[in-house]
Amino acid sequence: MSIQAYILIQTDIGKASSVAHAISAIPGVTLAEGVTGPYDVIMRAEAPSMEEFGRTILAKVQGVPGISRTLTCPVTSHAL
C-alpha cells in the first residue's frame, strides 16, 4: 500500500508560481497548484513507503528555493 500526503506550503512573497512549477517536476508529485489563504501552494504526492516518501519527495521539496514553511498531511484511507 502506498503512502499519500498533501503538503501545504508557504512561500516567500512572489514565489508561489515558481515553487509550484519546480515541485510539479519532482517524481511522485501528482498535484502542485497555487492557492490563496494562509498557504501559497498545495501539493499531493505518493510513494511506496513513509521512508521513501521522506527520502525521495520531502527532502527534494524542502530543497526548492522560495519555500519558507511546509505542513505535511498524510492521507488515511478507510474502506467504505
N, C-alpha and C. Protein backbone atom coordinates (compact mmCIF):
# COMPACT_ATOMS: atom_id res chain seq x y z
N MET A 1 0.84 -1.18 0.00
CA MET A 1 0.00 0.00 0.00
C MET A 1 0.88 1.24 0.00
N SER A 2 0.60 2.18 -0.86
CA SER A 2 1.44 3.37 -0.96
C SER A 2 1.02 4.42 0.07
N ILE A 3 1.94 5.30 0.36
CA ILE A 3 1.72 6.43 1.25
C ILE A 3 1.37 7.64 0.40
N GLN A 4 0.32 8.33 0.77
CA GLN A 4 -0.09 9.56 0.07
C GLN A 4 -0.19 10.68 1.09
N ALA A 5 0.12 11.89 0.66
CA ALA A 5 0.01 13.04 1.56
C ALA A 5 -0.19 14.31 0.77
N TYR A 6 -0.87 15.24 1.41
CA TYR A 6 -0.92 16.62 0.93
C TYR A 6 0.14 17.38 1.69
N ILE A 7 0.80 18.29 1.02
CA ILE A 7 1.77 19.16 1.69
C ILE A 7 1.34 20.59 1.41
N LEU A 8 1.11 21.34 2.49
CA LEU A 8 0.74 22.75 2.39
C LEU A 8 2.02 23.56 2.51
N ILE A 9 2.20 24.51 1.61
CA ILE A 9 3.48 25.20 1.50
C ILE A 9 3.30 26.71 1.59
N GLN A 10 4.06 27.34 2.45
CA GLN A 10 4.16 28.80 2.47
C GLN A 10 5.43 29.17 1.73
N THR A 11 5.33 30.21 0.89
CA THR A 11 6.49 30.63 0.10
C THR A 11 6.86 32.06 0.44
N ASP A 12 8.04 32.44 0.00
CA ASP A 12 8.44 33.84 0.07
C ASP A 12 7.52 34.64 -0.86
N ILE A 13 7.37 35.90 -0.61
CA ILE A 13 6.48 36.76 -1.41
C ILE A 13 6.87 36.68 -2.89
N GLY A 14 5.86 36.42 -3.73
CA GLY A 14 6.07 36.38 -5.17
C GLY A 14 6.65 35.08 -5.71
N LYS A 15 6.81 34.07 -4.87
CA LYS A 15 7.46 32.82 -5.30
C LYS A 15 6.51 31.66 -5.52
N ALA A 16 5.21 31.81 -5.27
CA ALA A 16 4.28 30.69 -5.34
C ALA A 16 4.31 30.00 -6.71
N SER A 17 4.28 30.75 -7.77
CA SER A 17 4.25 30.17 -9.11
C SER A 17 5.51 29.37 -9.42
N SER A 18 6.67 29.93 -9.11
CA SER A 18 7.92 29.22 -9.40
C SER A 18 8.07 27.99 -8.50
N VAL A 19 7.61 28.08 -7.26
CA VAL A 19 7.67 26.93 -6.35
C VAL A 19 6.76 25.82 -6.87
N ALA A 20 5.53 26.14 -7.25
CA ALA A 20 4.59 25.13 -7.76
C ALA A 20 5.16 24.47 -9.01
N HIS A 21 5.76 25.25 -9.88
CA HIS A 21 6.35 24.71 -11.11
C HIS A 21 7.50 23.76 -10.78
N ALA A 22 8.38 24.15 -9.87
CA ALA A 22 9.53 23.31 -9.51
C ALA A 22 9.07 22.02 -8.83
N ILE A 23 8.08 22.11 -7.97
CA ILE A 23 7.59 20.94 -7.25
C ILE A 23 6.93 19.95 -8.20
N SER A 24 6.21 20.46 -9.19
CA SER A 24 5.50 19.57 -10.11
C SER A 24 6.45 18.66 -10.88
N ALA A 25 7.73 19.02 -10.96
CA ALA A 25 8.72 18.22 -11.68
C ALA A 25 9.32 17.11 -10.82
N ILE A 26 9.01 17.08 -9.52
CA ILE A 26 9.57 16.06 -8.63
C ILE A 26 8.82 14.75 -8.83
N PRO A 27 9.53 13.65 -9.10
CA PRO A 27 8.86 12.35 -9.25
C PRO A 27 8.06 11.99 -8.00
N GLY A 28 6.84 11.52 -8.19
CA GLY A 28 5.96 11.17 -7.08
C GLY A 28 4.94 12.24 -6.76
N VAL A 29 5.17 13.45 -7.25
CA VAL A 29 4.22 14.54 -7.04
C VAL A 29 3.12 14.41 -8.08
N THR A 30 1.87 14.33 -7.60
CA THR A 30 0.73 14.16 -8.50
C THR A 30 -0.06 15.45 -8.70
N LEU A 31 0.18 16.46 -7.87
CA LEU A 31 -0.53 17.73 -7.96
C LEU A 31 0.32 18.81 -7.31
N ALA A 32 0.41 19.96 -7.91
CA ALA A 32 1.06 21.13 -7.31
C ALA A 32 0.40 22.37 -7.89
N GLU A 33 -0.34 23.09 -7.04
CA GLU A 33 -1.09 24.26 -7.51
C GLU A 33 -1.00 25.40 -6.51
N GLY A 34 -1.00 26.61 -7.04
CA GLY A 34 -1.06 27.79 -6.21
C GLY A 34 -2.47 27.96 -5.65
N VAL A 35 -2.56 28.39 -4.41
CA VAL A 35 -3.85 28.62 -3.76
C VAL A 35 -3.79 29.94 -3.00
N THR A 36 -4.95 30.41 -2.53
CA THR A 36 -4.99 31.60 -1.69
C THR A 36 -5.31 31.20 -0.27
N GLY A 37 -4.94 32.03 0.67
CA GLY A 37 -5.17 31.74 2.08
C GLY A 37 -3.85 31.72 2.82
N PRO A 38 -3.81 31.02 3.96
CA PRO A 38 -2.58 31.01 4.76
C PRO A 38 -1.42 30.27 4.09
N TYR A 39 -1.72 29.41 3.12
CA TYR A 39 -0.68 28.71 2.37
C TYR A 39 -0.72 29.18 0.92
N ASP A 40 0.41 29.07 0.24
CA ASP A 40 0.53 29.57 -1.13
C ASP A 40 0.46 28.48 -2.18
N VAL A 41 0.87 27.28 -1.81
CA VAL A 41 0.89 26.15 -2.75
C VAL A 41 0.39 24.92 -1.99
N ILE A 42 -0.40 24.10 -2.67
CA ILE A 42 -0.78 22.80 -2.13
C ILE A 42 -0.31 21.74 -3.11
N MET A 43 0.21 20.67 -2.57
CA MET A 43 0.67 19.59 -3.44
C MET A 43 0.20 18.26 -2.87
N ARG A 44 0.13 17.29 -3.73
CA ARG A 44 -0.18 15.92 -3.32
C ARG A 44 0.89 15.02 -3.92
N ALA A 45 1.33 14.05 -3.13
CA ALA A 45 2.38 13.15 -3.61
C ALA A 45 2.14 11.76 -3.03
N GLU A 46 2.79 10.79 -3.66
CA GLU A 46 2.70 9.42 -3.15
C GLU A 46 4.02 8.70 -3.36
N ALA A 47 4.25 7.73 -2.47
CA ALA A 47 5.47 6.91 -2.53
C ALA A 47 5.13 5.53 -1.94
N PRO A 48 5.97 4.53 -2.21
CA PRO A 48 5.69 3.17 -1.73
C PRO A 48 5.70 3.03 -0.21
N SER A 49 6.47 3.85 0.50
CA SER A 49 6.56 3.75 1.96
C SER A 49 6.83 5.14 2.55
N MET A 50 6.63 5.27 3.86
CA MET A 50 6.90 6.55 4.51
C MET A 50 8.38 6.91 4.44
N GLU A 51 9.25 5.90 4.56
CA GLU A 51 10.69 6.15 4.45
C GLU A 51 11.04 6.69 3.06
N GLU A 52 10.48 6.07 2.05
CA GLU A 52 10.71 6.51 0.67
C GLU A 52 10.11 7.89 0.44
N PHE A 53 8.95 8.14 1.02
CA PHE A 53 8.30 9.45 0.90
C PHE A 53 9.21 10.54 1.44
N GLY A 54 9.76 10.31 2.62
CA GLY A 54 10.65 11.30 3.22
C GLY A 54 11.93 11.50 2.44
N ARG A 55 12.50 10.40 1.97
CA ARG A 55 13.79 10.47 1.28
C ARG A 55 13.68 11.04 -0.13
N THR A 56 12.68 10.61 -0.87
CA THR A 56 12.64 10.99 -2.29
C THR A 56 11.74 12.18 -2.59
N ILE A 57 10.78 12.47 -1.72
CA ILE A 57 9.88 13.58 -2.01
C ILE A 57 10.10 14.75 -1.04
N LEU A 58 9.94 14.51 0.26
CA LEU A 58 10.07 15.61 1.21
C LEU A 58 11.43 16.28 1.16
N ALA A 59 12.48 15.50 1.06
CA ALA A 59 13.83 16.09 1.00
C ALA A 59 13.98 16.99 -0.21
N LYS A 60 13.41 16.60 -1.35
CA LYS A 60 13.50 17.42 -2.56
C LYS A 60 12.62 18.65 -2.46
N VAL A 61 11.43 18.51 -1.89
CA VAL A 61 10.53 19.66 -1.73
C VAL A 61 11.19 20.70 -0.84
N GLN A 62 11.75 20.28 0.26
CA GLN A 62 12.36 21.23 1.19
C GLN A 62 13.59 21.91 0.61
N GLY A 63 14.15 21.36 -0.46
CA GLY A 63 15.29 21.98 -1.13
C GLY A 63 14.91 22.98 -2.21
N VAL A 64 13.62 23.12 -2.49
CA VAL A 64 13.19 24.06 -3.54
C VAL A 64 13.34 25.49 -3.02
N PRO A 65 14.02 26.36 -3.76
CA PRO A 65 14.18 27.75 -3.33
C PRO A 65 12.84 28.47 -3.26
N GLY A 66 12.69 29.31 -2.24
CA GLY A 66 11.48 30.12 -2.10
C GLY A 66 10.47 29.58 -1.11
N ILE A 67 10.71 28.37 -0.58
CA ILE A 67 9.80 27.79 0.41
C ILE A 67 10.22 28.26 1.80
N SER A 68 9.25 28.79 2.56
CA SER A 68 9.57 29.23 3.91
C SER A 68 9.06 28.27 4.98
N ARG A 69 8.01 27.48 4.65
CA ARG A 69 7.45 26.56 5.64
C ARG A 69 6.57 25.52 4.96
N THR A 70 6.55 24.30 5.51
CA THR A 70 5.68 23.25 4.98
C THR A 70 4.91 22.58 6.11
N LEU A 71 3.76 22.02 5.75
CA LEU A 71 2.97 21.22 6.67
C LEU A 71 2.52 19.99 5.91
N THR A 72 2.95 18.81 6.38
CA THR A 72 2.64 17.56 5.71
C THR A 72 1.42 16.91 6.36
N CYS A 73 0.44 16.55 5.54
CA CYS A 73 -0.81 15.96 6.00
C CYS A 73 -0.99 14.60 5.33
N PRO A 74 -0.58 13.50 5.98
CA PRO A 74 -0.75 12.16 5.38
C PRO A 74 -2.23 11.85 5.19
N VAL A 75 -2.53 11.14 4.13
CA VAL A 75 -3.89 10.74 3.81
C VAL A 75 -4.13 9.36 4.41
N THR A 76 -5.22 9.21 5.12
CA THR A 76 -5.61 7.90 5.62
C THR A 76 -6.83 7.47 4.83
N SER A 77 -6.78 6.26 4.32
CA SER A 77 -7.92 5.77 3.56
C SER A 77 -8.64 4.70 4.37
N HIS A 78 -9.94 4.81 4.38
CA HIS A 78 -10.77 3.86 5.10
C HIS A 78 -11.70 3.18 4.10
N ALA A 79 -11.86 1.91 4.25
CA ALA A 79 -12.80 1.19 3.38
C ALA A 79 -14.22 1.61 3.71
N LEU A 80 -15.01 1.81 2.68
CA LEU A 80 -16.40 2.21 2.91
C LEU A 80 -17.29 1.01 3.06
